[in-house]
Amino acid sequence: MESEGFTTLQVLVVEGIATDHEDKLNLLQGEAWEYCVNLIYTFAKDPALHAASNYLLYIGINRLFYSLDFFPIRPIIKRN
């Protein structure tokens, strides 16, 4: 995607360790919910697991638009 002018922010596994467990996960609250969401996200962004997934979610920014003053989602982007 970089060759097309994009800067990669994240590549995530779409169906990960939570697949087929959504009903049980949705019952969680508070710290248990936060722990599971963080665990799922940690696994989803692990490049070693990308080949095990049928689908990947690419999140990137077009460098042309990123350089403009008007970029409404800039404040919520955190780079690791």
Protein backbone atom coordinates (compact mmCIF):
# COMPACT_ATOMS: atom_id res chain seq x y z
CA MET A 1 0.00 0.00 0.00
CA GLU A 2 2.94 2.32 0.55
CA SER A 3 3.62 2.26 -3.18
CA GLU A 4 0.12 3.75 -3.64
CA GLY A 5 0.81 6.65 -1.26
CA PHE A 6 -0.47 5.16 1.99
CA THR A 7 1.24 4.98 5.35
CA THR A 8 0.39 1.80 7.25
CA LEU A 9 -0.89 2.36 10.78
CA GLN A 10 -2.07 -1.17 11.62
CA VAL A 11 -2.72 -4.54 10.04
CA LEU A 12 -5.06 -6.63 12.17
CA VAL A 13 -6.42 -10.17 12.05
CA VAL A 14 -10.18 -9.91 11.51
CA GLU A 15 -11.28 -13.25 12.90
CA GLY A 16 -9.10 -14.08 15.83
CA ILE A 17 -9.30 -15.73 19.21
CA ALA A 18 -12.77 -14.28 19.87
CA THR A 19 -14.41 -15.97 16.88
CA ASP A 20 -17.40 -18.09 17.94
CA HIS A 21 -17.18 -16.72 21.50
CA GLU A 22 -18.92 -13.38 20.96
CA ASP A 23 -22.03 -14.26 23.00
CA LYS A 24 -20.00 -15.10 26.10
CA LEU A 25 -17.65 -12.14 25.66
CA ASN A 26 -20.60 -9.74 25.39
CA LEU A 27 -21.71 -10.79 28.88
CA LEU A 28 -18.46 -9.53 30.43
CA GLN A 29 -18.28 -6.16 32.16
CA GLY A 30 -15.72 -3.90 33.75
CA GLU A 31 -12.18 -5.16 34.18
CA ALA A 32 -12.97 -8.58 32.67
CA TRP A 33 -14.24 -6.89 29.48
CA GLU A 34 -11.19 -4.59 29.30
CA TYR A 35 -8.82 -7.52 29.83
CA CYS A 36 -10.43 -9.56 27.03
CA VAL A 37 -10.53 -6.63 24.59
CA ASN A 38 -6.84 -5.91 25.23
CA LEU A 39 -5.95 -9.59 24.81
CA ILE A 40 -7.91 -9.86 21.55
CA TYR A 41 -6.27 -6.68 20.23
CA THR A 42 -2.81 -7.92 21.22
CA PHE A 43 -3.30 -11.12 19.26
CA ALA A 44 -4.96 -9.31 16.33
CA LYS A 45 -1.95 -7.07 15.72
CA ASP A 46 0.66 -9.85 16.05
CA PRO A 47 2.21 -10.29 12.56
CA ALA A 48 3.07 -13.92 13.36
CA LEU A 49 -0.67 -14.70 13.35
CA HIS A 50 -1.56 -12.91 10.10
CA ALA A 51 -0.95 -15.99 7.97
CA ALA A 52 -3.44 -17.98 10.08
CA SER A 53 -6.29 -15.63 9.19
CA ASN A 54 -8.50 -15.61 6.13
CA TYR A 55 -8.99 -11.86 6.37
CA LEU A 56 -6.84 -8.93 7.44
CA LEU A 57 -7.94 -5.38 8.22
CA TYR A 58 -5.60 -2.75 6.81
CA ILE A 59 -5.66 0.66 8.48
CA GLY A 60 -3.68 3.32 6.70
CA ILE A 61 -3.56 6.98 5.85
CA ASN A 62 -3.10 8.52 2.45
CA ARG A 63 -0.03 10.73 2.88
CA LEU A 64 -1.58 13.48 0.74
CA PHE A 65 -4.56 13.89 3.07
CA TYR A 66 -2.50 13.34 6.22
CA SER A 67 -0.40 16.37 5.38
CA LEU A 68 -3.44 18.65 5.07
CA ASP A 69 -4.44 20.84 8.02
CA PHE A 70 -7.94 19.38 8.01
CA PHE A 71 -7.68 15.80 9.16
CA PRO A 72 -10.54 15.04 11.56
CA ILE A 73 -9.28 11.76 13.05
CA ARG A 74 -5.71 12.86 13.74
CA PRO A 75 -6.26 13.29 17.52
CA ILE A 76 -7.40 9.67 18.03
CA ILE A 77 -4.47 8.04 16.22
CA LYS A 78 -1.84 6.59 18.50
CA ARG A 79 1.38 5.31 17.01
CA ASN A 80 3.24 2.57 18.83
